[in-house]
Structures are given as structure tokens and as C-alpha cells.
């Protein structure tokens, strides 16, 4: 029973179920048989201009160092650097971003940078 102060009130543009039922798969993509590719290998083998189509994304809870973001492509999976986990978490809450991925309109390319004397790799998202 609703408290009297809330009786008859409507919540505009909000779906409780849609906002909080996030334990289900967002993308209907079968990733069985796909192997992980390292960002460094993608960059070194294909260069900085190669664009990869994103087919799915999720946050893996099985990471050696905690939660981490994963992107799927038609041919392989990519584990993203830890600083990308929050970005992918936000992406998975964004219906427009999810629709773009489902329509095949989202991709990424790999770039390299130096940090603390280390050679690092990351992704730049692109519209397809």
C-alpha cells in the first residue's frame, strides 16, 4: 500500500524495472568460441587506423584485478584497461548507445600512449 503522500502521483518517464533489472543480458550475441585479443596485438598487427565494429559490451566480474570492461566484435573479444570500466558501465545504462551497438553503428580503434614510462594501449570509440 502506498503512503498517503504518494497516492495518485505519477513518476514521469521512469520505469523501475527498466532502470534496475540489469542482471540480464543486454546484447543477444553468442560469444562462445571467441577468443580474447590484446589491444597491443591489434595495434601492432593492424595499425592505428583499423576500425573494429562493436557487437556487445559487458562488465566482467571475473577479472584477476576486479571488475573490468569487455567489448565484443564479430571475430574476437577485447578486455579493456581498468580506467574504461566506468565508461562502459555508463554506456550500458544508455539506451541510445545500446541501440547503436545493436544496429552495428558503433566501433573502436586502438591507439597507443606513454604513461609512467610504460607503453600503453586504449580504445577510441567511433561512429560507423
C-alpha atoms as a PDB file:
ATOM      1  CA  UNK A   1       0.000   0.000   0.000  1.00  0.00           C
ATOM      2  CA  UNK A   2       1.319   3.431  -0.891  1.00  0.00           C
ATOM      3  CA  UNK A   3       1.823   6.064   1.727  1.00  0.00           C
ATOM      4  CA  UNK A   4      -0.899   8.751   1.507  1.00  0.00           C
ATOM      5  CA  UNK A   5       1.589  11.377   0.278  1.00  0.00           C
ATOM      6  CA  UNK A   6       2.387   9.244  -2.807  1.00  0.00           C
ATOM      7  CA  UNK A   7      -1.103   8.018  -3.640  1.00  0.00           C
ATOM      8  CA  UNK A   8      -2.083   9.066  -7.147  1.00  0.00           C
ATOM      9  CA  UNK A   9       1.346  10.502  -8.027  1.00  0.00           C
ATOM     10  CA  UNK A  10       2.929   9.572 -11.330  1.00  0.00           C
ATOM     11  CA  UNK A  11       6.634   9.296 -11.941  1.00  0.00           C
ATOM     12  CA  UNK A  12       7.466  10.894 -15.285  1.00  0.00           C
ATOM     13  CA  UNK A  13       9.487   8.886 -17.810  1.00  0.00           C
ATOM     14  CA  UNK A  14      10.753   6.357 -15.323  1.00  0.00           C
ATOM     15  CA  UNK A  15      10.447   2.631 -15.382  1.00  0.00           C
ATOM     16  CA  UNK A  16      11.549   1.000 -12.168  1.00  0.00           C
ATOM     17  CA  UNK A  17      12.005  -2.359 -13.870  1.00  0.00           C
ATOM     18  CA  UNK A  18      13.963  -0.944 -16.799  1.00  0.00           C
ATOM     19  CA  UNK A  19      16.280   1.025 -14.524  1.00  0.00           C
ATOM     20  CA  UNK A  20      17.068  -1.751 -12.080  1.00  0.00           C
ATOM     21  CA  UNK A  21      16.704  -5.101 -13.852  1.00  0.00           C
ATOM     22  CA  UNK A  22      20.261  -5.071 -15.155  1.00  0.00           C
ATOM     23  CA  UNK A  23      21.212  -8.625 -14.251  1.00  0.00           C
ATOM     24  CA  UNK A  24      20.027  -9.822 -17.636  1.00  0.00           C
ATOM     25  CA  UNK A  25      21.942  -9.864 -20.891  1.00  0.00           C
ATOM     26  CA  UNK A  26      21.828  -6.556 -22.709  1.00  0.00           C
ATOM     27  CA  UNK A  27      23.032  -7.911 -26.069  1.00  0.00           C
ATOM     28  CA  UNK A  28      21.792 -11.100 -27.700  1.00  0.00           C
ATOM     29  CA  UNK A  29      25.198 -12.067 -29.073  1.00  0.00           C
ATOM     30  CA  UNK A  30      26.730 -15.518 -28.836  1.00  0.00           C
ATOM     31  CA  UNK A  31      30.384 -15.064 -27.850  1.00  0.00           C
ATOM     32  CA  UNK A  32      31.128 -18.756 -27.374  1.00  0.00           C
ATOM     33  CA  UNK A  33      34.221 -19.691 -29.303  1.00  0.00           C
ATOM     34  CA  UNK A  34      35.512 -16.122 -29.490  1.00  0.00           C
ATOM     35  CA  UNK A  35      38.958 -15.594 -28.037  1.00  0.00           C
ATOM     36  CA  UNK A  36      40.443 -12.535 -26.388  1.00  0.00           C
ATOM     37  CA  UNK A  37      42.839 -10.385 -28.379  1.00  0.00           C
ATOM     38  CA  UNK A  38      45.241  -7.952 -26.711  1.00  0.00           C
ATOM     39  CA  UNK A  39      44.925  -4.289 -27.640  1.00  0.00           C
ATOM     40  CA  UNK A  40      48.674  -4.199 -28.221  1.00  0.00           C
ATOM     41  CA  UNK A  41      48.473  -7.064 -30.716  1.00  0.00           C
ATOM     42  CA  UNK A  42      45.602  -5.397 -32.574  1.00  0.00           C
ATOM     43  CA  UNK A  43      47.567  -2.158 -32.795  1.00  0.00           C
ATOM     44  CA  UNK A  44      50.853  -3.802 -33.795  1.00  0.00           C
ATOM     45  CA  UNK A  45      49.271  -6.137 -36.371  1.00  0.00           C
ATOM     46  CA  UNK A  46      46.658  -3.839 -37.906  1.00  0.00           C
ATOM     47  CA  UNK A  47      47.798  -0.284 -37.204  1.00  0.00           C
ATOM     48  CA  UNK A  48      46.123   2.730 -35.663  1.00  0.00           C
ATOM     49  CA  UNK A  49      43.565   3.314 -38.408  1.00  0.00           C
ATOM     50  CA  UNK A  50      41.817  -0.059 -38.344  1.00  0.00           C
ATOM     51  CA  UNK A  51      38.242   0.203 -37.061  1.00  0.00           C
ATOM     52  CA  UNK A  52      36.517  -2.698 -35.314  1.00  0.00           C
ATOM     53  CA  UNK A  53      32.729  -2.997 -35.046  1.00  0.00           C
ATOM     54  CA  UNK A  54      31.368  -3.466 -31.510  1.00  0.00           C
ATOM     55  CA  UNK A  55      28.756  -6.225 -31.222  1.00  0.00           C
ATOM     56  CA  UNK A  56      28.403  -6.275 -27.443  1.00  0.00           C
ATOM     57  CA  UNK A  57      29.855  -4.964 -24.188  1.00  0.00           C
ATOM     58  CA  UNK A  58      29.719  -6.024 -20.574  1.00  0.00           C
ATOM     59  CA  UNK A  59      31.443  -5.749 -17.230  1.00  0.00           C
ATOM     60  CA  UNK A  60      33.205  -8.957 -16.293  1.00  0.00           C
ATOM     61  CA  UNK A  61      33.126  -9.807 -12.607  1.00  0.00           C
ATOM     62  CA  UNK A  62      35.809 -12.472 -13.083  1.00  0.00           C
ATOM     63  CA  UNK A  63      38.839 -10.224 -13.551  1.00  0.00           C
ATOM     64  CA  UNK A  64      42.113 -11.019 -11.844  1.00  0.00           C
ATOM     65  CA  UNK A  65      42.223  -7.414 -10.591  1.00  0.00           C
ATOM     66  CA  UNK A  66      38.497  -6.848 -10.084  1.00  0.00           C
ATOM     67  CA  UNK A  67      35.692  -5.828 -12.418  1.00  0.00           C
ATOM     68  CA  UNK A  68      36.732  -4.901 -15.944  1.00  0.00           C
ATOM     69  CA  UNK A  69      35.070  -3.952 -19.209  1.00  0.00           C
ATOM     70  CA  UNK A  70      34.899  -6.247 -22.225  1.00  0.00           C
ATOM     71  CA  UNK A  71      33.986  -5.407 -25.820  1.00  0.00           C
ATOM     72  CA  UNK A  72      32.873  -7.988 -28.350  1.00  0.00           C
ATOM     73  CA  UNK A  73      33.469  -7.836 -32.091  1.00  0.00           C
ATOM     74  CA  UNK A  74      32.333 -10.284 -34.764  1.00  0.00           C
ATOM     75  CA  UNK A  75      35.672 -12.133 -34.530  1.00  0.00           C
ATOM     76  CA  UNK A  76      37.135 -11.654 -31.046  1.00  0.00           C
ATOM     77  CA  UNK A  77      36.767 -10.145 -27.568  1.00  0.00           C
ATOM     78  CA  UNK A  78      38.833  -7.351 -26.010  1.00  0.00           C
ATOM     79  CA  UNK A  79      39.457  -6.755 -22.344  1.00  0.00           C
ATOM     80  CA  UNK A  80      39.720  -3.012 -21.804  1.00  0.00           C
ATOM     81  CA  UNK A  81      42.047  -1.165 -19.420  1.00  0.00           C
ATOM     82  CA  UNK A  82      40.655  -0.719 -15.916  1.00  0.00           C
ATOM     83  CA  UNK A  83      40.088   3.024 -16.372  1.00  0.00           C
ATOM     84  CA  UNK A  84      37.472   2.197 -19.046  1.00  0.00           C
ATOM     85  CA  UNK A  85      35.230   0.223 -16.675  1.00  0.00           C
ATOM     86  CA  UNK A  86      33.253   3.284 -15.541  1.00  0.00           C
ATOM     87  CA  UNK A  87      32.773   4.433 -19.141  1.00  0.00           C
ATOM     88  CA  UNK A  88      31.416   1.048 -20.239  1.00  0.00           C
ATOM     89  CA  UNK A  89      29.222   0.910 -17.124  1.00  0.00           C
ATOM     90  CA  UNK A  90      27.690   4.247 -18.162  1.00  0.00           C
ATOM     91  CA  UNK A  91      27.380   3.062 -21.771  1.00  0.00           C
ATOM     92  CA  UNK A  92      25.365   0.052 -20.606  1.00  0.00           C
ATOM     93  CA  UNK A  93      22.873   2.409 -18.926  1.00  0.00           C
ATOM     94  CA  UNK A  94      22.460   4.471 -22.111  1.00  0.00           C
ATOM     95  CA  UNK A  95      19.676   3.107 -24.338  1.00  0.00           C
ATOM     96  CA  UNK A  96      20.901   5.170 -27.306  1.00  0.00           C
ATOM     97  CA  UNK A  97      24.401   3.679 -27.030  1.00  0.00           C
ATOM     98  CA  UNK A  98      22.945   0.174 -26.712  1.00  0.00           C
ATOM     99  CA  UNK A  99      20.801   0.740 -29.816  1.00  0.00           C
ATOM    100  CA  UNK A 100      23.839   1.979 -31.778  1.00  0.00           C
ATOM    101  CA  UNK A 101      25.776  -1.161 -30.879  1.00  0.00           C
ATOM    102  CA  UNK A 102      22.828  -3.404 -31.746  1.00  0.00           C
ATOM    103  CA  UNK A 103      22.453  -1.667 -35.135  1.00  0.00           C
ATOM    104  CA  UNK A 104      26.154  -2.096 -35.928  1.00  0.00           C
ATOM    105  CA  UNK A 105      26.762   1.652 -35.788  1.00  0.00           C
ATOM    106  CA  UNK A 106      29.426   1.681 -33.046  1.00  0.00           C
ATOM    107  CA  UNK A 107      33.075   0.804 -33.298  1.00  0.00           C
ATOM    108  CA  UNK A 108      36.515   1.472 -31.926  1.00  0.00           C
ATOM    109  CA  UNK A 109      40.105   1.876 -32.989  1.00  0.00           C
ATOM    110  CA  UNK A 110      43.186   1.235 -30.881  1.00  0.00           C
ATOM    111  CA  UNK A 111      45.719   3.911 -30.023  1.00  0.00           C
ATOM    112  CA  UNK A 112      48.927   3.974 -28.009  1.00  0.00           C
ATOM    113  CA  UNK A 113      50.265   6.387 -25.420  1.00  0.00           C
ATOM    114  CA  UNK A 114      53.018   6.642 -22.797  1.00  0.00           C
ATOM    115  CA  UNK A 115      52.208   6.720 -19.084  1.00  0.00           C
ATOM    116  CA  UNK A 116      54.662   6.491 -16.220  1.00  0.00           C
ATOM    117  CA  UNK A 117      57.355   5.271 -18.584  1.00  0.00           C
ATOM    118  CA  UNK A 118      55.149   2.480 -19.941  1.00  0.00           C
ATOM    119  CA  UNK A 119      53.822   1.922 -23.433  1.00  0.00           C
ATOM    120  CA  UNK A 120      50.012   1.619 -23.068  1.00  0.00           C
ATOM    121  CA  UNK A 121      47.041   0.951 -25.348  1.00  0.00           C
ATOM    122  CA  UNK A 122      43.452   2.165 -25.231  1.00  0.00           C
ATOM    123  CA  UNK A 123      40.400   2.454 -27.476  1.00  0.00           C
ATOM    124  CA  UNK A 124      38.808   5.436 -29.164  1.00  0.00           C
ATOM    125  CA  UNK A 125      35.127   4.982 -29.967  1.00  0.00           C
ATOM    126  CA  UNK A 126      33.961   5.772 -33.496  1.00  0.00           C
ATOM    127  CA  UNK A 127      30.620   6.079 -35.251  1.00  0.00           C
ATOM    128  CA  UNK A 128      30.136   3.623 -38.114  1.00  0.00           C
END
